[in-house]
Amino acid sequence: MAYERVFPPTTKSTTKSIGGWLILVGIFMVLGPLFNLFHLYTIFSDIGTVTSYPFFHFAFYKFTYVLSILLDVALFVAVINCTRLFFQKKKSFPGFFNFTMIANIIIDIAIPFLYFIAIHFNYDARASLGEFYNPIVIVTILRAVMYAAIWVPYMKFSERVKNTFTL
């Protein structure tokens, strides 16, 4: 009687290392918290100047100012969490990354609008929306939209992303 030798099936891992376009995301994950930290530093160093503005005593302006600081801190925490999820190759990274990108766009659009409302209706009715959506703000919003237009679909549909973030 002949015996067949049976070999166990090979367990070939489909998990991939961080490579390809994910290297650019990795660079962003390292530099992003540093940029956000610098942004928070500029916000907190300007507190003395902002509180001396004549319209700062209006409640809605104070509310908007505190809200913008809280949202910037929340975005910083989200970017730190994204970085952690990225390097741990967590399955939740792509979805959380996309959420953070979209939240950044919403915050970049909403905060200047809230400042406009606070000043226009409480201090100076002649204030125009264009003063709050100045070229720097517009470039910031467009940059965030361009990044999201590239990276959100990549995180959603890329096979490399699906095979890398599996834990």
Foldseek 3Di string as FASTA:
>chain_A
DDDDDDDDDDDDALADAQDDCSVVVLVCLVCVLVVLVVVLVVLVVCPVVVCPDPLCPQPLLVVLSVVLNVLSVVLSVLSPVLSVLSVVLAPCNLVSVLVSLVSQLVSLPPSLVSNQCSCCVRPNVPDDSCVSCDPVSVVVNVVSVVVSVPRNVCSVDPPNSVNHRDD
